[in-house]
Amino acid sequence: MTLPPADGLILSMGYLPPDLQASGLLAHALRRAAGRVDLWDRLPIEGLQSLRAWFAREIGNGAVFSPHDVIICNGGQAAITATLRALVPPGRPILVETPTYTGAMSAARAAGLEVIPVAIDENGVRPELLEDAFEQTGARVFYSQPTFSNPSGVVMSNERRAAVLDIAAKAGGRLHHRGRLGARSRSGRQRTGSACDG
């Protein structure tokens, strides 16, 4: 096995290279936040109301979700774990695009879920295989990374995103996705389906 070239962009760790990180801006924001007295209080376990309201507006365009529907987690892995445990009872199947993020598979297996792989191509998950998997397994949750999927880097096309939302809705399923999955309907309205943002 050889090391990647020094100028290569390594996507497997989930960290941006230093020249793409906003370290200066983050340091400035941290200094400002650290000066707030209320920062040192115990925060609500579900997250700050103002932050939950912001995410509710961003995810649902102000019309679909309320702050009550949003929980702030302390990281992506914690969010995946909490979401899978909330949506899928132990012993039940969960559909995952393959290849997929190994942390999601670990969280699913730790929750006692049956992981069912669904193949992708250059446009993301293959709709005909996803539809078959929903029908054959009785699964009601599909885990997807529609934007720069880890580890493949695939970005799901807009047409594919719309098809995935339609298939999940038809199957009575829910989507757990990392990143934006919403697609525009023929009328131009934003569609979020039964998506859970992870």
Protein backbone atom coordinates (compact mmCIF):
# COMPACT_ATOMS: atom_id res chain seq x y z
CA MET A 1 0.00 0.00 0.00
CA THR A 2 1.36 3.42 -0.92
CA LEU A 3 0.78 6.79 0.68
CA PRO A 4 -1.34 9.32 -1.21
CA PRO A 5 0.50 12.11 -3.01
CA ALA A 6 1.37 15.12 -0.84
CA ASP A 7 -0.90 17.38 -2.90
CA GLY A 8 -3.82 14.90 -2.83
CA LEU A 9 -7.09 15.73 -1.11
CA ILE A 10 -7.72 13.01 1.49
CA LEU A 11 -11.47 12.62 2.06
CA SER A 12 -11.45 9.55 4.31
CA MET A 13 -10.99 11.40 7.61
CA GLY A 14 -13.72 14.00 7.25
CA TYR A 15 -11.37 16.96 7.81
CA LEU A 16 -10.71 19.73 5.32
CA PRO A 17 -7.08 20.44 4.44
CA PRO A 18 -5.66 23.41 6.39
CA ASP A 19 -5.90 25.83 3.44
CA LEU A 20 -9.67 25.20 3.21
CA GLN A 21 -10.36 25.60 6.93
CA ALA A 22 -11.66 28.89 8.29
CA SER A 23 -9.41 28.67 11.35
CA GLY A 24 -9.01 32.43 11.78
CA LEU A 25 -12.76 33.03 11.64
CA LEU A 26 -13.41 30.15 14.02
CA ALA A 27 -10.82 31.49 16.50
CA HIS A 28 -12.46 34.94 16.36
CA ALA A 29 -15.94 33.44 16.91
CA LEU A 30 -14.65 31.34 19.82
CA ARG A 31 -13.12 34.42 21.50
CA ARG A 32 -16.44 36.28 21.14
CA ALA A 33 -18.46 33.33 22.43
CA ALA A 34 -16.14 32.68 25.37
CA GLY A 35 -16.82 36.21 26.62
CA ARG A 36 -20.55 35.54 26.98
CA VAL A 37 -21.50 34.92 30.60
CA ASP A 38 -24.42 32.65 29.66
CA LEU A 39 -22.04 30.33 27.80
CA TRP A 40 -20.88 28.85 31.09
CA ASP A 41 -24.41 27.92 32.22
CA ARG A 42 -25.68 24.35 31.79
CA LEU A 43 -27.35 24.22 28.39
CA PRO A 44 -30.68 22.48 27.73
CA ILE A 45 -30.12 18.86 26.70
CA GLU A 46 -32.13 19.38 23.48
CA GLY A 47 -30.05 22.43 22.49
CA LEU A 48 -30.58 26.18 22.57
CA GLN A 49 -34.06 27.31 21.47
CA SER A 50 -32.65 29.97 19.15
CA LEU A 51 -30.36 27.46 17.42
CA ARG A 52 -33.17 24.90 17.13
CA ALA A 53 -35.41 27.58 15.59
CA TRP A 54 -32.71 28.47 13.05
CA PHE A 55 -32.31 24.84 11.97
CA ALA A 56 -36.09 24.40 11.76
CA ARG A 57 -36.29 27.38 9.39
CA GLU A 58 -33.30 26.27 7.31
CA ILE A 59 -34.38 22.63 6.92
CA GLY A 60 -38.06 23.25 6.28
CA ASN A 61 -38.03 26.71 4.75
CA GLY A 62 -40.02 27.90 7.77
CA ALA A 63 -43.07 25.83 6.86
CA VAL A 64 -42.36 22.20 7.70
CA PHE A 65 -40.53 21.96 11.03
CA SER A 66 -40.82 23.78 14.34
CA PRO A 67 -38.02 24.19 16.90
CA HIS A 68 -39.71 21.41 18.88
CA ASP A 69 -38.86 19.01 16.00
CA VAL A 70 -35.11 19.76 16.23
CA ILE A 71 -32.56 18.32 18.64
CA ILE A 72 -28.99 19.64 18.66
CA CYS A 73 -26.39 16.88 19.06
CA ASN A 74 -22.74 17.27 20.00
CA GLY A 75 -21.48 15.77 16.75
CA GLY A 76 -22.36 13.87 13.61
CA GLN A 77 -21.82 10.41 15.10
CA ALA A 78 -24.02 11.21 18.09
CA ALA A 79 -26.72 12.52 15.74
CA ILE A 80 -26.62 9.38 13.59
CA THR A 81 -26.75 7.12 16.64
CA ALA A 82 -29.66 8.99 18.24
CA THR A 83 -31.62 9.15 14.99
CA LEU A 84 -31.23 5.47 14.14
CA ARG A 85 -32.18 4.39 17.67
CA ALA A 86 -35.24 6.67 17.58
CA LEU A 87 -36.47 5.55 14.16
CA VAL A 88 -35.67 1.84 13.91
CA PRO A 89 -36.46 -0.79 16.56
CA PRO A 90 -33.75 -3.40 17.30
CA GLY A 91 -33.82 -6.34 14.90
CA ARG A 92 -35.42 -4.37 12.06
CA PRO A 93 -33.71 -3.62 8.72
CA ILE A 94 -32.20 -0.31 7.66
CA LEU A 95 -31.22 0.43 4.07
CA VAL A 96 -27.84 2.08 3.48
CA GLU A 97 -26.18 3.18 0.28
CA THR A 98 -23.03 1.22 -0.40
CA PRO A 99 -20.31 2.10 0.03
CA THR A 100 -21.25 4.26 3.00
CA TYR A 101 -19.82 5.93 6.08
CA THR A 102 -18.50 3.22 8.39
CA GLY A 103 -19.64 5.16 11.45
CA ALA A 104 -23.26 4.85 10.32
CA MET A 105 -22.86 1.10 9.90
CA SER A 106 -21.28 0.85 13.37
CA ALA A 107 -24.15 2.84 14.90
CA ALA A 108 -26.74 0.65 13.14
CA ARG A 109 -25.07 -2.58 14.24
CA ALA A 110 -24.66 -1.32 17.83
CA ALA A 111 -28.42 -0.60 17.84
CA GLY A 112 -29.09 -4.19 16.74
CA LEU A 113 -30.29 -3.25 13.26
CA GLU A 114 -30.00 -5.39 10.14
CA VAL A 115 -27.93 -3.39 7.65
CA ILE A 116 -29.12 -3.84 4.04
CA PRO A 117 -26.77 -2.40 1.38
CA VAL A 118 -28.15 -0.67 -1.73
CA ALA A 119 -25.69 -0.04 -4.57
CA ILE A 120 -24.83 3.40 -5.93
CA ASP A 121 -23.58 4.56 -9.31
CA GLU A 122 -22.09 7.88 -10.45
CA ASN A 123 -25.39 9.66 -9.64
CA GLY A 124 -25.98 8.18 -6.20
CA VAL A 125 -28.18 5.35 -4.99
CA ARG A 126 -29.80 3.38 -7.81
CA PRO A 127 -33.57 4.04 -7.59
CA GLU A 128 -34.68 0.65 -8.93
CA LEU A 129 -32.55 -1.14 -6.33
CA LEU A 130 -33.77 1.16 -3.54
CA GLU A 131 -37.39 0.49 -4.48
CA ASP A 132 -36.76 -3.28 -4.56
CA ALA A 133 -34.99 -3.13 -1.19
CA PHE A 134 -37.88 -1.28 0.46
CA GLU A 135 -40.35 -3.82 -0.96
CA GLN A 136 -38.34 -6.98 -0.18
CA THR A 137 -37.15 -6.09 3.33
CA GLY A 138 -40.02 -4.06 4.76
CA ALA A 139 -37.44 -1.45 5.83
CA ARG A 140 -38.77 1.99 6.66
CA VAL A 141 -35.48 3.93 6.93
CA PHE A 142 -32.82 4.66 4.32
CA TYR A 143 -29.47 6.21 5.33
CA SER A 144 -27.92 8.34 2.59
CA GLN A 145 -25.23 10.96 2.07
CA PRO A 146 -26.48 12.76 -1.04
CA THR A 147 -23.72 15.38 -1.14
CA PHE A 148 -20.09 14.19 -1.31
CA SER A 149 -20.89 10.75 0.02
CA ASN A 150 -18.24 9.24 2.28
CA PRO A 151 -16.18 7.36 1.07
CA SER A 152 -17.16 7.56 -2.63
CA GLY A 153 -17.44 11.34 -2.98
CA VAL A 154 -20.55 10.93 -5.18
CA VAL A 155 -22.98 13.85 -5.38
CA MET A 156 -26.53 12.65 -5.99
CA SER A 157 -28.08 14.31 -9.05
CA ASN A 158 -31.21 16.45 -8.61
CA GLU A 159 -33.24 13.96 -10.65
CA ARG A 160 -32.02 11.12 -8.45
CA ARG A 161 -32.84 13.07 -5.28
CA ALA A 162 -36.42 13.57 -6.45
CA ALA A 163 -36.71 9.86 -7.31
CA VAL A 164 -35.36 8.84 -3.89
CA LEU A 165 -37.88 11.08 -2.11
CA ASP A 166 -40.72 9.61 -4.19
CA ILE A 167 -39.61 6.02 -3.54
CA ALA A 168 -39.28 6.61 0.21
CA ALA A 169 -42.69 8.28 0.38
CA LYS A 170 -44.29 5.45 -1.59
CA ALA A 171 -42.74 2.88 0.78
CA GLY A 172 -43.90 4.82 3.85
CA GLY A 173 -40.24 5.17 4.74
CA ARG A 174 -38.04 7.83 6.23
CA LEU A 175 -34.70 9.08 5.00
CA HIS A 176 -31.77 9.71 7.27
CA HIS A 177 -29.34 11.77 5.31
CA ARG A 178 -26.27 13.83 5.91
CA GLY A 179 -26.54 17.05 3.96
CA ARG A 180 -29.37 18.52 1.96
CA LEU A 181 -31.58 16.06 0.10
CA GLY A 182 -34.53 18.32 -0.68
CA ALA A 183 -35.40 18.56 -4.36
CA ARG A 184 -37.65 20.89 -6.27
CA SER A 185 -40.99 19.52 -7.41
CA ARG A 186 -42.42 20.28 -10.86
CA SER A 187 -44.22 23.27 -9.34
CA GLY A 188 -40.90 24.66 -8.10
CA ARG A 189 -41.75 24.16 -4.41
CA GLN A 190 -39.03 22.78 -2.15
CA ARG A 191 -39.72 19.16 -1.18
CA THR A 192 -38.28 17.70 1.99
CA GLY A 193 -40.23 14.43 2.13
CA SER A 194 -39.79 12.55 5.38
CA ALA A 195 -36.18 13.55 5.64
CA CYS A 196 -34.18 13.61 8.84
CA ASP A 197 -31.16 15.83 8.62
CA GLY A 198 -28.11 14.24 10.14
